[in-house]
Structures are given as C-alpha cells and as structure tokens.
C-alpha cells in the first residue's frame, strides 16, 4: 500500500519509531508535537502512562525570535523542569518529523539544559 498524504506518511513513520522507542521512569520519552504555529514537548513514562513534565511554545516570550529560536527555548524549559524532577537521561521521540529545523532546535535546547540522550 502506498501512502497518499503527508499526514499518512508521518503516521507510518511515527508507528515505526514508536515500535523502537520506549520510555521508562528512569529514562522517559521526550515526545514532540509540531504545528505550524507552535511546538510542544513532554516527558512520558510509558510503563505507567503518565506525563512527568511538559513545555510548550506559548509559555515562552518569543519576541524577536524565529520559530527555531522558540523551539530551542522550549527544549531548555523542558530540561529545566525535568531536572527539577530528578530526570537527567531521556530517549528522544521525534514523532515522525524529520530531525531538522524546529525539532532539532528543541533537542539541542534540551541538551543544553542538561538532558542526556
């Protein structure tokens, strides 16, 4: 079966990634969602199905920043919240998006904030 739309292609990539990437209490999964206007990230413990920390671009003062700059700040905010919860090691789930642009900026911001992945 061939994929017909961009949404279907992303869903297929997302399923393939999620089959391999699993978060635990010791190493939660950083799940990223990117829309045209905003970017969201959350730390998820898949064993218990709970969200341990979350950050979104609407919490950031993005004056004078482009979308990638805001994404980097979201990553740093997520890392700060994770460190407050004694989490320093995570696995990264790009949710079917290319590791490029805003997704990459978010990951780099999280690394700068002290998360290891």
PDB file of N, CA and C in Angstrom:
ATOM      1  N   UNK A   1       0.843  -1.178   0.000  1.00  0.00           N
ATOM      2  CA  UNK A   1       0.000   0.000   0.000  1.00  0.00           C
ATOM      3  C   UNK A   1       0.891   1.246   0.000  1.00  0.00           C
ATOM      4  N   UNK A   2       0.579   2.165  -0.855  1.00  0.00           N
ATOM      5  CA  UNK A   2       1.342   3.405  -0.890  1.00  0.00           C
ATOM      6  C   UNK A   2       0.625   4.464  -0.078  1.00  0.00           C
ATOM      7  N   UNK A   3       1.408   5.312   0.581  1.00  0.00           N
ATOM      8  CA  UNK A   3       0.806   6.390   1.353  1.00  0.00           C
ATOM      9  C   UNK A   3       0.422   7.518   0.411  1.00  0.00           C
ATOM     10  N   UNK A   4      -0.729   8.125   0.696  1.00  0.00           N
ATOM     11  CA  UNK A   4      -1.245   9.123  -0.216  1.00  0.00           C
ATOM     12  C   UNK A   4      -1.026  10.550   0.258  1.00  0.00           C
ATOM     13  N   UNK A   5      -1.014  10.766   1.547  1.00  0.00           N
ATOM     14  CA  UNK A   5      -0.895  12.131   2.039  1.00  0.00           C
ATOM     15  C   UNK A   5       0.298  12.264   2.979  1.00  0.00           C
ATOM     16  N   UNK A   6       0.650  13.487   3.242  1.00  0.00           N
ATOM     17  CA  UNK A   6       1.734  13.773   4.165  1.00  0.00           C
ATOM     18  C   UNK A   6       1.391  13.286   5.559  1.00  0.00           C
ATOM     19  N   UNK A   7       0.141  13.440   5.958  1.00  0.00           N
ATOM     20  CA  UNK A   7      -0.298  13.006   7.288  1.00  0.00           C
ATOM     21  C   UNK A   7      -0.172  11.494   7.419  1.00  0.00           C
ATOM     22  N   UNK A   8      -0.576  10.761   6.392  1.00  0.00           N
ATOM     23  CA  UNK A   8      -0.471   9.302   6.430  1.00  0.00           C
ATOM     24  C   UNK A   8       0.990   8.857   6.459  1.00  0.00           C
ATOM     25  N   UNK A   9       1.846   9.539   5.717  1.00  0.00           N
ATOM     26  CA  UNK A   9       3.269   9.193   5.698  1.00  0.00           C
ATOM     27  C   UNK A   9       3.888   9.436   7.069  1.00  0.00           C
ATOM     28  N   UNK A  10       3.524  10.547   7.720  1.00  0.00           N
ATOM     29  CA  UNK A  10       4.048  10.830   9.057  1.00  0.00           C
ATOM     30  C   UNK A  10       3.543   9.801  10.052  1.00  0.00           C
ATOM     31  N   UNK A  11       2.272   9.410   9.934  1.00  0.00           N
ATOM     32  CA  UNK A  11       1.707   8.407  10.845  1.00  0.00           C
ATOM     33  C   UNK A  11       2.454   7.077  10.707  1.00  0.00           C
ATOM     34  N   UNK A  12       2.823   6.725   9.498  1.00  0.00           N
ATOM     35  CA  UNK A  12       3.562   5.492   9.273  1.00  0.00           C
ATOM     36  C   UNK A  12       4.960   5.574   9.893  1.00  0.00           C
ATOM     37  N   UNK A  13       5.634   6.708   9.701  1.00  0.00           N
ATOM     38  CA  UNK A  13       6.957   6.893  10.316  1.00  0.00           C
ATOM     39  C   UNK A  13       6.837   6.884  11.832  1.00  0.00           C
ATOM     40  N   UNK A  14       5.780   7.502  12.364  1.00  0.00           N
ATOM     41  CA  UNK A  14       5.587   7.581  13.813  1.00  0.00           C
ATOM     42  C   UNK A  14       5.404   6.183  14.420  1.00  0.00           C
ATOM     43  N   UNK A  15       4.603   5.343  13.764  1.00  0.00           N
ATOM     44  CA  UNK A  15       4.403   3.970  14.240  1.00  0.00           C
ATOM     45  C   UNK A  15       5.720   3.193  14.234  1.00  0.00           C
ATOM     46  N   UNK A  16       6.512   3.390  13.199  1.00  0.00           N
ATOM     47  CA  UNK A  16       7.792   2.696  13.079  1.00  0.00           C
ATOM     48  C   UNK A  16       8.752   3.126  14.192  1.00  0.00           C
ATOM     49  N   UNK A  17       8.777   4.413  14.490  1.00  0.00           N
ATOM     50  CA  UNK A  17       9.643   4.933  15.549  1.00  0.00           C
ATOM     51  C   UNK A  17       9.173   4.444  16.915  1.00  0.00           C
ATOM     52  N   UNK A  18       7.870   4.511  17.177  1.00  0.00           N
ATOM     53  CA  UNK A  18       7.323   4.146  18.482  1.00  0.00           C
ATOM     54  C   UNK A  18       7.481   2.665  18.786  1.00  0.00           C
ATOM     55  N   UNK A  19       7.664   1.841  17.760  1.00  0.00           N
ATOM     56  CA  UNK A  19       7.896   0.414  17.990  1.00  0.00           C
ATOM     57  C   UNK A  19       9.260   0.197  18.639  1.00  0.00           C
ATOM     58  N   UNK A  20      10.177   1.154  18.451  1.00  0.00           N
ATOM     59  CA  UNK A  20      11.539   1.007  18.956  1.00  0.00           C
ATOM     60  C   UNK A  20      11.826   1.879  20.172  1.00  0.00           C
ATOM     61  N   UNK A  21      11.178   3.024  20.266  1.00  0.00           N
ATOM     62  CA  UNK A  21      11.472   3.997  21.331  1.00  0.00           C
ATOM     63  C   UNK A  21      10.444   3.858  22.440  1.00  0.00           C
ATOM     64  N   UNK A  22      10.907   3.451  23.628  1.00  0.00           N
ATOM     65  CA  UNK A  22      10.010   3.264  24.771  1.00  0.00           C
ATOM     66  C   UNK A  22      10.601   3.991  25.971  1.00  0.00           C
ATOM     67  N   UNK A  23       9.760   4.764  26.650  1.00  0.00           N
ATOM     68  CA  UNK A  23      10.205   5.496  27.828  1.00  0.00           C
ATOM     69  C   UNK A  23       9.897   4.728  29.100  1.00  0.00           C
ATOM     70  N   UNK A  24      10.723   4.944  30.113  1.00  0.00           N
ATOM     71  CA  UNK A  24      10.502   4.329  31.419  1.00  0.00           C
ATOM     72  C   UNK A  24      10.611   5.418  32.480  1.00  0.00           C
ATOM     73  N   UNK A  25      10.421   5.046  33.736  1.00  0.00           N
ATOM     74  CA  UNK A  25      10.538   6.035  34.810  1.00  0.00           C
ATOM     75  C   UNK A  25      11.981   6.538  34.910  1.00  0.00           C
ATOM     76  N   UNK A  26      12.952   5.657  34.674  1.00  0.00           N
ATOM     77  CA  UNK A  26      14.357   6.050  34.741  1.00  0.00           C
ATOM     78  C   UNK A  26      14.764   6.863  33.516  1.00  0.00           C
ATOM     79  N   UNK A  27      14.257   6.483  32.344  1.00  0.00           N
ATOM     80  CA  UNK A  27      14.565   7.191  31.094  1.00  0.00           C
ATOM     81  C   UNK A  27      13.271   7.461  30.344  1.00  0.00           C
ATOM     82  N   UNK A  28      12.579   8.561  30.665  1.00  0.00           N
ATOM     83  CA  UNK A  28      11.318   8.850  29.984  1.00  0.00           C
ATOM     84  C   UNK A  28      11.527   9.251  28.519  1.00  0.00           C
ATOM     85  N   UNK A  29      10.451   9.191  27.792  1.00  0.00           N
ATOM     86  CA  UNK A  29      10.469   9.524  26.372  1.00  0.00           C
ATOM     87  C   UNK A  29      10.108  10.999  26.200  1.00  0.00           C
ATOM     88  N   UNK A  30      10.890  11.710  25.404  1.00  0.00           N
ATOM     89  CA  UNK A  30      10.575  13.099  25.057  1.00  0.00           C
ATOM     90  C   UNK A  30       9.772  13.051  23.763  1.00  0.00           C
ATOM     91  N   UNK A  31       8.479  13.327  23.863  1.00  0.00           N
ATOM     92  CA  UNK A  31       7.604  13.314  22.705  1.00  0.00           C
ATOM     93  C   UNK A  31       7.415  14.739  22.203  1.00  0.00           C
ATOM     94  N   UNK A  32       7.574  14.934  20.893  1.00  0.00           N
ATOM     95  CA  UNK A  32       7.495  16.261  20.281  1.00  0.00           C
ATOM     96  C   UNK A  32       6.271  16.330  19.383  1.00  0.00           C
ATOM     97  N   UNK A  33       5.530  17.434  19.490  1.00  0.00           N
ATOM     98  CA  UNK A  33       4.470  17.721  18.523  1.00  0.00           C
ATOM     99  C   UNK A  33       4.717  19.099  17.966  1.00  0.00           C
ATOM    100  N   UNK A  34       4.663  19.206  16.654  1.00  0.00           N
ATOM    101  CA  UNK A  34       4.939  20.459  15.973  1.00  0.00           C
ATOM    102  C   UNK A  34       3.741  20.825  15.110  1.00  0.00           C
ATOM    103  N   UNK A  35       3.195  22.016  15.329  1.00  0.00           N
ATOM    104  CA  UNK A  35       2.161  22.521  14.439  1.00  0.00           C
ATOM    105  C   UNK A  35       2.770  23.673  13.647  1.00  0.00           C
ATOM    106  N   UNK A  36       1.980  24.306  12.813  1.00  0.00           N
ATOM    107  CA  UNK A  36       2.527  25.420  12.039  1.00  0.00           C
ATOM    108  C   UNK A  36       2.905  26.598  12.923  1.00  0.00           C
ATOM    109  N   UNK A  37       2.175  26.801  14.003  1.00  0.00           N
ATOM    110  CA  UNK A  37       2.422  27.953  14.870  1.00  0.00           C
ATOM    111  C   UNK A  37       3.197  27.625  16.129  1.00  0.00           C
ATOM    112  N   UNK A  38       3.043  26.434  16.665  1.00  0.00           N
ATOM    113  CA  UNK A  38       3.568  26.134  17.994  1.00  0.00           C
ATOM    114  C   UNK A  38       4.352  24.825  17.984  1.00  0.00           C
ATOM    115  N   UNK A  39       5.061  24.597  19.098  1.00  0.00           N
ATOM    116  CA  UNK A  39       5.758  23.332  19.304  1.00  0.00           C
ATOM    117  C   UNK A  39       5.563  22.931  20.758  1.00  0.00           C
ATOM    118  N   UNK A  40       5.352  21.654  20.978  1.00  0.00           N
ATOM    119  CA  UNK A  40       5.078  21.118  22.305  1.00  0.00           C
ATOM    120  C   UNK A  40       6.017  19.951  22.543  1.00  0.00           C
ATOM    121  N   UNK A  41       6.401  19.749  23.802  1.00  0.00           N
ATOM    122  CA  UNK A  41       7.232  18.599  24.171  1.00  0.00           C
ATOM    123  C   UNK A  41       6.813  18.134  25.553  1.00  0.00           C
ATOM    124  N   UNK A  42       6.841  16.826  25.744  1.00  0.00           N
ATOM    125  CA  UNK A  42       6.516  16.285  27.063  1.00  0.00           C
ATOM    126  C   UNK A  42       7.356  15.055  27.352  1.00  0.00           C
ATOM    127  N   UNK A  43       7.616  14.844  28.631  1.00  0.00           N
ATOM    128  CA  UNK A  43       8.326  13.655  29.091  1.00  0.00           C
ATOM    129  C   UNK A  43       7.288  12.632  29.513  1.00  0.00           C
ATOM    130  N   UNK A  44       7.346  11.444  28.939  1.00  0.00           N
ATOM    131  CA  UNK A  44       6.332  10.424  29.172  1.00  0.00           C
ATOM    132  C   UNK A  44       6.976   9.155  29.710  1.00  0.00           C
ATOM    133  N   UNK A  45       6.396   8.626  30.797  1.00  0.00           N
ATOM    134  CA  UNK A  45       6.760   7.310  31.316  1.00  0.00           C
ATOM    135  C   UNK A  45       5.772   6.326  30.716  1.00  0.00           C
ATOM    136  N   UNK A  46       6.197   5.549  29.729  1.00  0.00           N
ATOM    137  CA  UNK A  46       5.290   4.639  29.028  1.00  0.00           C
ATOM    138  C   UNK A  46       4.851   3.471  29.897  1.00  0.00           C
ATOM    139  N   UNK A  47       5.634   3.109  30.898  1.00  0.00           N
ATOM    140  CA  UNK A  47       5.277   1.985  31.765  1.00  0.00           C
ATOM    141  C   UNK A  47       4.005   2.301  32.553  1.00  0.00           C
ATOM    142  N   UNK A  48       3.912   3.519  33.077  1.00  0.00           N
ATOM    143  CA  UNK A  48       2.724   3.894  33.848  1.00  0.00           C
ATOM    144  C   UNK A  48       1.756   4.763  33.045  1.00  0.00           C
ATOM    145  N   UNK A  49       2.182   5.223  31.862  1.00  0.00           N
ATOM    146  CA  UNK A  49       1.309   6.039  31.025  1.00  0.00           C
ATOM    147  C   UNK A  49       1.096   7.437  31.563  1.00  0.00           C
ATOM    148  N   UNK A  50       2.104   7.992  32.229  1.00  0.00           N
ATOM    149  CA  UNK A  50       1.966   9.321  32.819  1.00  0.00           C
ATOM    150  C   UNK A  50       2.925  10.316  32.179  1.00  0.00           C
ATOM    151  N   UNK A  51       2.511  11.566  32.177  1.00  0.00           N
ATOM    152  CA  UNK A  51       3.364  12.650  31.726  1.00  0.00           C
ATOM    153  C   UNK A  51       4.087  13.221  32.939  1.00  0.00           C
ATOM    154  N   UNK A  52       5.410  13.251  32.885  1.00  0.00           N
ATOM    155  CA  UNK A  52       6.218  13.691  34.012  1.00  0.00           C
ATOM    156  C   UNK A  52       6.506  15.190  33.968  1.00  0.00           C
ATOM    157  N   UNK A  53       6.653  15.745  32.774  1.00  0.00           N
ATOM    158  CA  UNK A  53       6.899  17.180  32.602  1.00  0.00           C
ATOM    159  C   UNK A  53       6.502  17.557  31.184  1.00  0.00           C
ATOM    160  N   UNK A  54       6.174  18.819  30.989  1.00  0.00           N
ATOM    161  CA  UNK A  54       5.781  19.283  29.661  1.00  0.00           C
ATOM    162  C   UNK A  54       6.178  20.742  29.497  1.00  0.00           C
ATOM    163  N   UNK A  55       6.340  21.152  28.242  1.00  0.00           N
ATOM    164  CA  UNK A  55       6.634  22.546  27.919  1.00  0.00           C
ATOM    165  C   UNK A  55       6.031  22.837  26.547  1.00  0.00           C
ATOM    166  N   UNK A  56       5.626  24.078  26.355  1.00  0.00           N
ATOM    167  CA  UNK A  56       5.052  24.456  25.061  1.00  0.00           C
ATOM    168  C   UNK A  56       5.477  25.879  24.707  1.00  0.00           C
ATOM    169  N   UNK A  57       5.389  26.208  23.451  1.00  0.00           N
ATOM    170  CA  UNK A  57       5.890  27.486  22.978  1.00  0.00           C
ATOM    171  C   UNK A  57       5.065  28.667  23.473  1.00  0.00           C
ATOM    172  N   UNK A  58       3.825  28.454  23.852  1.00  0.00           N
ATOM    173  CA  UNK A  58       3.012  29.562  24.348  1.00  0.00           C
ATOM    174  C   UNK A  58       3.487  30.047  25.715  1.00  0.00           C
ATOM    175  N   UNK A  59       4.316  29.259  26.396  1.00  0.00           N
ATOM    176  CA  UNK A  59       4.872  29.657  27.688  1.00  0.00           C
ATOM    177  C   UNK A  59       6.132  30.511  27.527  1.00  0.00           C
ATOM    178  N   UNK A  60       6.638  30.610  26.309  1.00  0.00           N
ATOM    179  CA  UNK A  60       7.892  31.305  26.038  1.00  0.00           C
ATOM    180  C   UNK A  60       7.603  32.698  25.509  1.00  0.00           C
ATOM    181  N   UNK A  61       8.379  33.665  25.976  1.00  0.00           N
ATOM    182  CA  UNK A  61       8.309  35.004  25.405  1.00  0.00           C
ATOM    183  C   UNK A  61       9.201  35.003  24.175  1.00  0.00           C
ATOM    184  N   UNK A  62       8.599  34.873  23.006  1.00  0.00           N
ATOM    185  CA  UNK A  62       9.359  34.716  21.775  1.00  0.00           C
ATOM    186  C   UNK A  62       9.557  35.994  20.997  1.00  0.00           C
ATOM    187  N   UNK A  63       9.547  37.139  21.672  1.00  0.00           N
ATOM    188  CA  UNK A  63       9.747  38.405  20.967  1.00  0.00           C
ATOM    189  C   UNK A  63      11.123  38.443  20.323  1.00  0.00           C
ATOM    190  N   UNK A  64      11.147  38.684  19.029  1.00  0.00           N
ATOM    191  CA  UNK A  64      12.404  38.796  18.309  1.00  0.00           C
ATOM    192  C   UNK A  64      13.035  37.468  17.944  1.00  0.00           C
ATOM    193  N   UNK A  65      12.361  36.360  18.222  1.00  0.00           N
ATOM    194  CA  UNK A  65      12.902  35.042  17.886  1.00  0.00           C
ATOM    195  C   UNK A  65      12.127  34.433  16.736  1.00  0.00           C
ATOM    196  N   UNK A  66      12.820  33.641  15.923  1.00  0.00           N
ATOM    197  CA  UNK A  66      12.114  32.873  14.907  1.00  0.00           C
ATOM    198  C   UNK A  66      11.592  31.581  15.537  1.00  0.00           C
ATOM    199  N   UNK A  67      10.903  30.761  14.769  1.00  0.00           N
ATOM    200  CA  UNK A  67      10.299  29.544  15.323  1.00  0.00           C
ATOM    201  C   UNK A  67      11.353  28.582  15.872  1.00  0.00           C
ATOM    202  N   UNK A  68      12.514  28.518  15.237  1.00  0.00           N
ATOM    203  CA  UNK A  68      13.571  27.634  15.728  1.00  0.00           C
ATOM    204  C   UNK A  68      14.130  28.137  17.051  1.00  0.00           C
ATOM    205  N   UNK A  69      14.233  29.433  17.190  1.00  0.00           N
ATOM    206  CA  UNK A  69      14.701  30.003  18.453  1.00  0.00           C
ATOM    207  C   UNK A  69      13.739  29.723  19.592  1.00  0.00           C
ATOM    208  N   UNK A  70      12.440  29.810  19.296  1.00  0.00           N
ATOM    209  CA  UNK A  70      11.424  29.495  20.302  1.00  0.00           C
ATOM    210  C   UNK A  70      11.500  28.018  20.663  1.00  0.00           C
ATOM    211  N   UNK A  71      11.681  27.164  19.658  1.00  0.00           N
ATOM    212  CA  UNK A  71      11.768  25.720  19.903  1.00  0.00           C
ATOM    213  C   UNK A  71      12.959  25.393  20.809  1.00  0.00           C
ATOM    214  N   UNK A  72      14.070  26.086  20.611  1.00  0.00           N
ATOM    215  CA  UNK A  72      15.245  25.857  21.451  1.00  0.00           C
ATOM    216  C   UNK A  72      14.942  26.236  22.899  1.00  0.00           C
ATOM    217  N   UNK A  73      14.235  27.348  23.093  1.00  0.00           N
ATOM    218  CA  UNK A  73      13.865  27.766  24.447  1.00  0.00           C
ATOM    219  C   UNK A  73      12.892  26.778  25.087  1.00  0.00           C
ATOM    220  N   UNK A  74      11.996  26.194  24.285  1.00  0.00           N
ATOM    221  CA  UNK A  74      11.074  25.172  24.801  1.00  0.00           C
ATOM    222  C   UNK A  74      11.871  23.964  25.273  1.00  0.00           C
ATOM    223  N   UNK A  75      12.879  23.561  24.513  1.00  0.00           N
ATOM    224  CA  UNK A  75      13.739  22.455  24.926  1.00  0.00           C
ATOM    225  C   UNK A  75      14.459  22.751  26.226  1.00  0.00           C
ATOM    226  N   UNK A  76      14.934  23.982  26.377  1.00  0.00           N
ATOM    227  CA  UNK A  76      15.619  24.364  27.615  1.00  0.00           C
ATOM    228  C   UNK A  76      14.646  24.379  28.793  1.00  0.00           C
ATOM    229  N   UNK A  77      13.419  24.849  28.563  1.00  0.00           N
ATOM    230  CA  UNK A  77      12.406  24.860  29.618  1.00  0.00           C
ATOM    231  C   UNK A  77      12.048  23.438  30.037  1.00  0.00           C
ATOM    232  N   UNK A  78      11.899  22.543  29.061  1.00  0.00           N
ATOM    233  CA  UNK A  78      11.603  21.144  29.367  1.00  0.00           C
ATOM    234  C   UNK A  78      12.733  20.521  30.178  1.00  0.00           C
ATOM    235  N   UNK A  79      13.974  20.820  29.801  1.00  0.00           N
ATOM    236  CA  UNK A  79      15.129  20.283  30.527  1.00  0.00           C
ATOM    237  C   UNK A  79      15.151  20.807  31.960  1.00  0.00           C
ATOM    238  N   UNK A  80      14.825  22.068  32.131  1.00  0.00           N
ATOM    239  CA  UNK A  80      14.786  22.655  33.478  1.00  0.00           C
ATOM    240  C   UNK A  80      13.738  21.957  34.344  1.00  0.00           C
ATOM    241  N   UNK A  81      12.573  21.690  33.785  1.00  0.00           N
ATOM    242  CA  UNK A  81      11.506  21.010  34.525  1.00  0.00           C
ATOM    243  C   UNK A  81      11.871  19.555  34.797  1.00  0.00           C
ATOM    244  N   UNK A  82      12.564  18.923  33.858  1.00  0.00           N
ATOM    245  CA  UNK A  82      12.988  17.539  34.057  1.00  0.00           C
ATOM    246  C   UNK A  82      14.028  17.460  35.166  1.00  0.00           C
ATOM    247  N   UNK A  83      14.965  18.392  35.165  1.00  0.00           N
ATOM    248  CA  UNK A  83      16.000  18.399  36.201  1.00  0.00           C
ATOM    249  C   UNK A  83      15.390  18.646  37.584  1.00  0.00           C
ATOM    250  N   UNK A  84      14.312  19.442  37.632  1.00  0.00           N
ATOM    251  CA  UNK A  84      13.621  19.672  38.900  1.00  0.00           C
ATOM    252  C   UNK A  84      12.992  18.382  39.418  1.00  0.00           C
ATOM    253  N   UNK A  85      12.633  17.475  38.497  1.00  0.00           N
ATOM    254  CA  UNK A  85      12.070  16.188  38.878  1.00  0.00           C
ATOM    255  C   UNK A  85      13.101  15.083  38.944  1.00  0.00           C
ATOM    256  N   UNK A  86      14.385  15.435  39.038  1.00  0.00           N
ATOM    257  CA  UNK A  86      15.498  14.477  39.118  1.00  0.00           C
ATOM    258  C   UNK A  86      15.585  13.553  37.913  1.00  0.00           C
ATOM    259  N   UNK A  87      15.316  14.087  36.730  1.00  0.00           N
ATOM    260  CA  UNK A  87      15.437  13.324  35.481  1.00  0.00           C
ATOM    261  C   UNK A  87      16.571  13.951  34.682  1.00  0.00           C
ATOM    262  N   UNK A  88      17.552  13.135  34.301  1.00  0.00           N
ATOM    263  CA  UNK A  88      18.640  13.687  33.504  1.00  0.00           C
ATOM    264  C   UNK A  88      18.910  12.888  32.232  1.00  0.00           C
ATOM    265  N   UNK A  89      18.349  11.706  32.114  1.00  0.00           N
ATOM    266  CA  UNK A  89      18.558  10.871  30.938  1.00  0.00           C
ATOM    267  C   UNK A  89      17.208  10.532  30.313  1.00  0.00           C
ATOM    268  N   UNK A  90      17.082  10.747  29.006  1.00  0.00           N
ATOM    269  CA  UNK A  90      15.815  10.531  28.304  1.00  0.00           C
ATOM    270  C   UNK A  90      16.063   9.850  26.956  1.00  0.00           C
ATOM    271  N   UNK A  91      14.987   9.412  26.321  1.00  0.00           N
ATOM    272  CA  UNK A  91      15.038   8.956  24.938  1.00  0.00           C
ATOM    273  C   UNK A  91      14.209   9.925  24.114  1.00  0.00           C
ATOM    274  N   UNK A  92      14.637  10.216  22.896  1.00  0.00           N
ATOM    275  CA  UNK A  92      14.001  11.243  22.072  1.00  0.00           C
ATOM    276  C   UNK A  92      13.085  10.611  21.037  1.00  0.00           C
ATOM    277  N   UNK A  93      11.827  11.030  21.033  1.00  0.00           N
ATOM    278  CA  UNK A  93      10.826  10.564  20.070  1.00  0.00           C
ATOM    279  C   UNK A  93      10.449  11.751  19.199  1.00  0.00           C
ATOM    280  N   UNK A  94      10.893  11.742  17.951  1.00  0.00           N
ATOM    281  CA  UNK A  94      10.639  12.867  17.060  1.00  0.00           C
ATOM    282  C   UNK A  94       9.247  12.807  16.420  1.00  0.00           C
ATOM    283  N   UNK A  95       8.491  11.781  16.728  1.00  0.00           N
ATOM    284  CA  UNK A  95       7.087  11.640  16.300  1.00  0.00           C
ATOM    285  C   UNK A  95       6.880  11.687  14.792  1.00  0.00           C
ATOM    286  N   UNK A  96       7.816  11.151  14.059  1.00  0.00           N
ATOM    287  CA  UNK A  96       7.661  11.083  12.609  1.00  0.00           C
ATOM    288  C   UNK A  96       8.127  12.316  11.873  1.00  0.00           C
ATOM    289  N   UNK A  97       8.524  13.366  12.586  1.00  0.00           N
ATOM    290  CA  UNK A  97       9.048  14.560  11.941  1.00  0.00           C
ATOM    291  C   UNK A  97      10.521  14.335  11.615  1.00  0.00           C
ATOM    292  N   UNK A  98      11.010  15.021  10.589  1.00  0.00           N
ATOM    293  CA  UNK A  98      12.423  14.947  10.285  1.00  0.00           C
ATOM    294  C   UNK A  98      13.217  15.606  11.407  1.00  0.00           C
ATOM    295  N   UNK A  99      14.383  15.062  11.704  1.00  0.00           N
ATOM    296  CA  UNK A  99      15.253  15.660  12.715  1.00  0.00           C
ATOM    297  C   UNK A  99      15.961  16.831  12.049  1.00  0.00           C
ATOM    298  N   UNK A 100      15.239  17.937  11.952  1.00  0.00           N
ATOM    299  CA  UNK A 100      15.693  19.095  11.187  1.00  0.00           C
ATOM    300  C   UNK A 100      14.882  20.299  11.641  1.00  0.00           C
ATOM    301  N   UNK A 101      15.453  21.457  11.591  1.00  0.00           N
ATOM    302  CA  UNK A 101      14.706  22.671  11.891  1.00  0.00           C
ATOM    303  C   UNK A 101      14.288  22.777  13.344  1.00  0.00           C
ATOM    304  N   UNK A 102      12.985  22.935  13.572  1.00  0.00           N
ATOM    305  CA  UNK A 102      12.474  23.155  14.926  1.00  0.00           C
ATOM    306  C   UNK A 102      12.635  21.941  15.826  1.00  0.00           C
ATOM    307  N   UNK A 103      12.489  20.745  15.279  1.00  0.00           N
ATOM    308  CA  UNK A 103      12.650  19.527  16.088  1.00  0.00           C
ATOM    309  C   UNK A 103      14.098  19.405  16.551  1.00  0.00           C
ATOM    310  N   UNK A 104      15.037  19.675  15.662  1.00  0.00           N
ATOM    311  CA  UNK A 104      16.451  19.640  16.011  1.00  0.00           C
ATOM    312  C   UNK A 104      16.787  20.739  17.018  1.00  0.00           C
ATOM    313  N   UNK A 105      16.216  21.923  16.840  1.00  0.00           N
ATOM    314  CA  UNK A 105      16.462  23.034  17.769  1.00  0.00           C
ATOM    315  C   UNK A 105      15.947  22.695  19.162  1.00  0.00           C
ATOM    316  N   UNK A 106      14.781  22.069  19.247  1.00  0.00           N
ATOM    317  CA  UNK A 106      14.237  21.661  20.543  1.00  0.00           C
ATOM    318  C   UNK A 106      15.178  20.660  21.221  1.00  0.00           C
ATOM    319  N   UNK A 107      15.669  19.695  20.453  1.00  0.00           N
ATOM    320  CA  UNK A 107      16.580  18.681  21.002  1.00  0.00           C
ATOM    321  C   UNK A 107      17.876  19.321  21.488  1.00  0.00           C
ATOM    322  N   UNK A 108      18.406  20.268  20.720  1.00  0.00           N
ATOM    323  CA  UNK A 108      19.644  20.933  21.119  1.00  0.00           C
ATOM    324  C   UNK A 108      19.427  21.768  22.380  1.00  0.00           C
ATOM    325  N   UNK A 109      18.274  22.422  22.481  1.00  0.00           N
ATOM    326  CA  UNK A 109      17.954  23.190  23.684  1.00  0.00           C
ATOM    327  C   UNK A 109      17.846  22.293  24.906  1.00  0.00           C
ATOM    328  N   UNK A 110      17.247  21.118  24.737  1.00  0.00           N
ATOM    329  CA  UNK A 110      17.138  20.170  25.853  1.00  0.00           C
ATOM    330  C   UNK A 110      18.518  19.679  26.272  1.00  0.00           C
ATOM    331  N   UNK A 111      19.388  19.439  25.312  1.00  0.00           N
ATOM    332  CA  UNK A 111      20.758  19.014  25.633  1.00  0.00           C
ATOM    333  C   UNK A 111      21.512  20.124  26.367  1.00  0.00           C
ATOM    334  N   UNK A 112      21.342  21.355  25.905  1.00  0.00           N
ATOM    335  CA  UNK A 112      21.988  22.478  26.575  1.00  0.00           C
ATOM    336  C   UNK A 112      21.472  22.647  28.000  1.00  0.00           C
ATOM    337  N   UNK A 113      20.201  22.298  28.207  1.00  0.00           N
ATOM    338  CA  UNK A 113      19.611  22.390  29.533  1.00  0.00           C
ATOM    339  C   UNK A 113      20.036  21.279  30.471  1.00  0.00           C
ATOM    340  N   UNK A 114      20.746  20.276  29.954  1.00  0.00           N
ATOM    341  CA  UNK A 114      21.296  19.241  30.810  1.00  0.00           C
ATOM    342  C   UNK A 114      20.726  17.843  30.608  1.00  0.00           C
ATOM    343  N   UNK A 115      19.809  17.670  29.659  1.00  0.00           N
ATOM    344  CA  UNK A 115      19.282  16.317  29.406  1.00  0.00           C
ATOM    345  C   UNK A 115      20.273  15.537  28.542  1.00  0.00           C
ATOM    346  N   UNK A 116      20.392  14.255  28.815  1.00  0.00           N
ATOM    347  CA  UNK A 116      21.304  13.390  28.067  1.00  0.00           C
ATOM    348  C   UNK A 116      20.474  12.419  27.239  1.00  0.00           C
ATOM    349  N   UNK A 117      20.689  12.429  25.920  1.00  0.00           N
ATOM    350  CA  UNK A 117      20.078  11.455  25.016  1.00  0.00           C
ATOM    351  C   UNK A 117      20.868  11.347  23.746  1.00  0.00           C
TER     352      UNK A 117
END
